[in-house]
Amino acid sequence: MIQPKKMTPDISVSAQPSAKDLALIHTLGFKSIVSNRPDGEAIDQSLYNEMKQAASYAGLEAAYLPIEAAGPTDEDVDKMAELLKTLPRPILAYCETGARCEKLVNALMAKEV
């Protein structure tokens, strides 16, 4: 099971959960997920469409904002800000290990200051 790291009252980050974990993520109180992991990064990863379908069954909204390994760009930060305006909160953002999501949220918080 994933270990969400709370970044703000509205957003937490984690390593990629399995599609089977999404029902539990919903029971933890999350309302939405954001996939920051590009499809095809690893042979064994669940692709976004599978995660989106599982999220729907679990009662979660889902969005796809892939972040490359180099980290988030200014455009990525702007897109995440838009997602935060439209998705139900709290939100769980995930990537392979959670590190890119954490960088994205930190950049977003720095931009809002």
Protein backbone atom coordinates (compact mmCIF):
# COMPACT_ATOMS: atom_id res chain seq x y z
CA MET A 1 0.00 0.00 0.00
CA ILE A 2 1.10 3.53 -0.72
CA GLN A 3 2.14 5.99 1.96
CA PRO A 4 0.67 9.41 1.09
CA LYS A 5 2.72 12.43 2.12
CA LYS A 6 0.55 15.45 2.93
CA MET A 7 1.96 18.55 1.23
CA THR A 8 -0.95 20.95 1.84
CA PRO A 9 -4.43 20.52 3.28
CA ASP A 10 -5.64 19.84 -0.28
CA ILE A 11 -2.91 17.72 -1.85
CA SER A 12 -0.82 14.70 -0.92
CA VAL A 13 1.75 12.85 -3.00
CA SER A 14 2.84 9.22 -3.24
CA ALA A 15 4.41 6.53 -5.31
CA GLN A 16 2.07 5.06 -7.90
CA PRO A 17 -0.66 2.99 -6.30
CA SER A 18 -2.03 -0.09 -8.00
CA ALA A 19 -5.47 0.09 -9.57
CA LYS A 20 -6.64 -2.17 -6.73
CA ASP A 21 -5.49 0.42 -4.16
CA LEU A 22 -7.85 3.12 -5.44
CA ALA A 23 -10.87 1.97 -3.43
CA LEU A 24 -8.74 2.18 -0.28
CA ILE A 25 -7.48 5.61 -1.34
CA HIS A 26 -11.10 6.70 -1.54
CA THR A 27 -11.75 5.38 1.97
CA LEU A 28 -8.78 7.45 3.18
CA GLY A 29 -10.81 10.51 2.17
CA PHE A 30 -9.30 11.42 -1.17
CA LYS A 31 -11.72 12.70 -3.81
CA SER A 32 -9.36 12.86 -6.82
CA ILE A 33 -6.11 11.46 -8.17
CA VAL A 34 -3.62 13.08 -10.54
CA SER A 35 -1.23 10.87 -12.45
CA ASN A 36 2.08 12.66 -12.89
CA ARG A 37 3.69 9.49 -14.25
CA PRO A 38 4.06 9.27 -18.04
CA ASP A 39 2.56 6.14 -19.58
CA GLY A 40 5.15 3.58 -20.64
CA GLU A 41 7.77 4.54 -18.08
CA ALA A 42 7.99 0.93 -16.88
CA ILE A 43 6.77 -2.36 -18.30
CA ASP A 44 4.82 -3.27 -15.17
CA GLN A 45 3.14 0.06 -14.45
CA SER A 46 -0.62 0.54 -14.72
CA LEU A 47 -1.31 2.96 -17.56
CA TYR A 48 -3.43 6.05 -17.02
CA ASN A 49 -6.55 4.72 -18.77
CA GLU A 50 -6.58 1.70 -16.44
CA MET A 51 -6.10 3.95 -13.41
CA LYS A 52 -8.83 6.34 -14.61
CA GLN A 53 -11.30 3.48 -15.01
CA ALA A 54 -10.43 2.04 -11.58
CA ALA A 55 -10.71 5.53 -10.06
CA SER A 56 -14.17 5.94 -11.54
CA TYR A 57 -15.28 2.61 -10.04
CA ALA A 58 -13.84 3.71 -6.67
CA GLY A 59 -15.68 7.05 -6.75
CA LEU A 60 -12.63 9.19 -7.51
CA GLU A 61 -12.07 11.85 -10.16
CA ALA A 62 -8.89 11.38 -12.21
CA ALA A 63 -6.60 13.63 -14.23
CA TYR A 64 -3.42 13.01 -16.24
CA LEU A 65 -0.52 15.47 -16.08
CA PRO A 66 2.64 13.53 -16.97
CA ILE A 67 5.87 15.01 -15.62
CA GLU A 68 9.14 13.96 -17.27
CA ALA A 69 12.03 12.65 -15.15
CA ALA A 70 13.81 16.02 -15.35
CA GLY A 71 11.07 17.47 -13.19
CA PRO A 72 8.21 19.91 -13.63
CA THR A 73 8.32 22.80 -16.09
CA ASP A 74 6.62 26.16 -15.54
CA GLU A 75 3.86 24.93 -17.87
CA ASP A 76 3.39 21.82 -15.70
CA VAL A 77 3.03 24.02 -12.62
CA ASP A 78 0.41 26.16 -14.37
CA LYS A 79 -1.53 23.06 -15.48
CA MET A 80 -1.47 21.66 -11.94
CA ALA A 81 -2.79 24.99 -10.62
CA GLU A 82 -5.71 24.67 -13.06
CA LEU A 83 -6.38 21.09 -11.94
CA LEU A 84 -6.47 22.25 -8.31
CA LYS A 85 -9.23 24.70 -9.28
CA THR A 86 -11.40 22.04 -10.92
CA LEU A 87 -10.85 18.70 -9.16
CA PRO A 88 -12.61 17.75 -5.94
CA ARG A 89 -10.28 17.89 -2.95
CA PRO A 90 -8.33 16.39 -1.27
CA ILE A 91 -6.19 15.19 -4.16
CA LEU A 92 -3.57 12.46 -4.31
CA ALA A 93 -0.90 13.06 -6.95
CA TYR A 94 1.36 10.16 -7.85
CA CYS A 95 4.37 9.28 -9.97
CA GLU A 96 6.89 6.44 -9.76
CA THR A 97 8.22 7.33 -6.30
CA GLY A 98 6.37 10.55 -5.45
CA ALA A 99 9.46 12.72 -5.92
CA ARG A 100 8.32 14.48 -9.10
CA CYS A 101 4.93 15.17 -7.53
CA GLU A 102 6.61 16.64 -4.49
CA LYS A 103 8.75 18.92 -6.71
CA LEU A 104 5.62 19.94 -8.62
CA VAL A 105 3.68 20.84 -5.47
CA ASN A 106 6.68 22.68 -4.01
CA ALA A 107 7.01 24.70 -7.24
CA LEU A 108 3.29 25.43 -7.15
CA MET A 109 3.47 26.64 -3.54
CA ALA A 110 6.52 28.81 -4.34
CA LYS A 111 4.70 30.37 -7.29
CA GLU A 112 1.64 31.22 -5.17
CA VAL A 113 3.72 33.11 -2.58
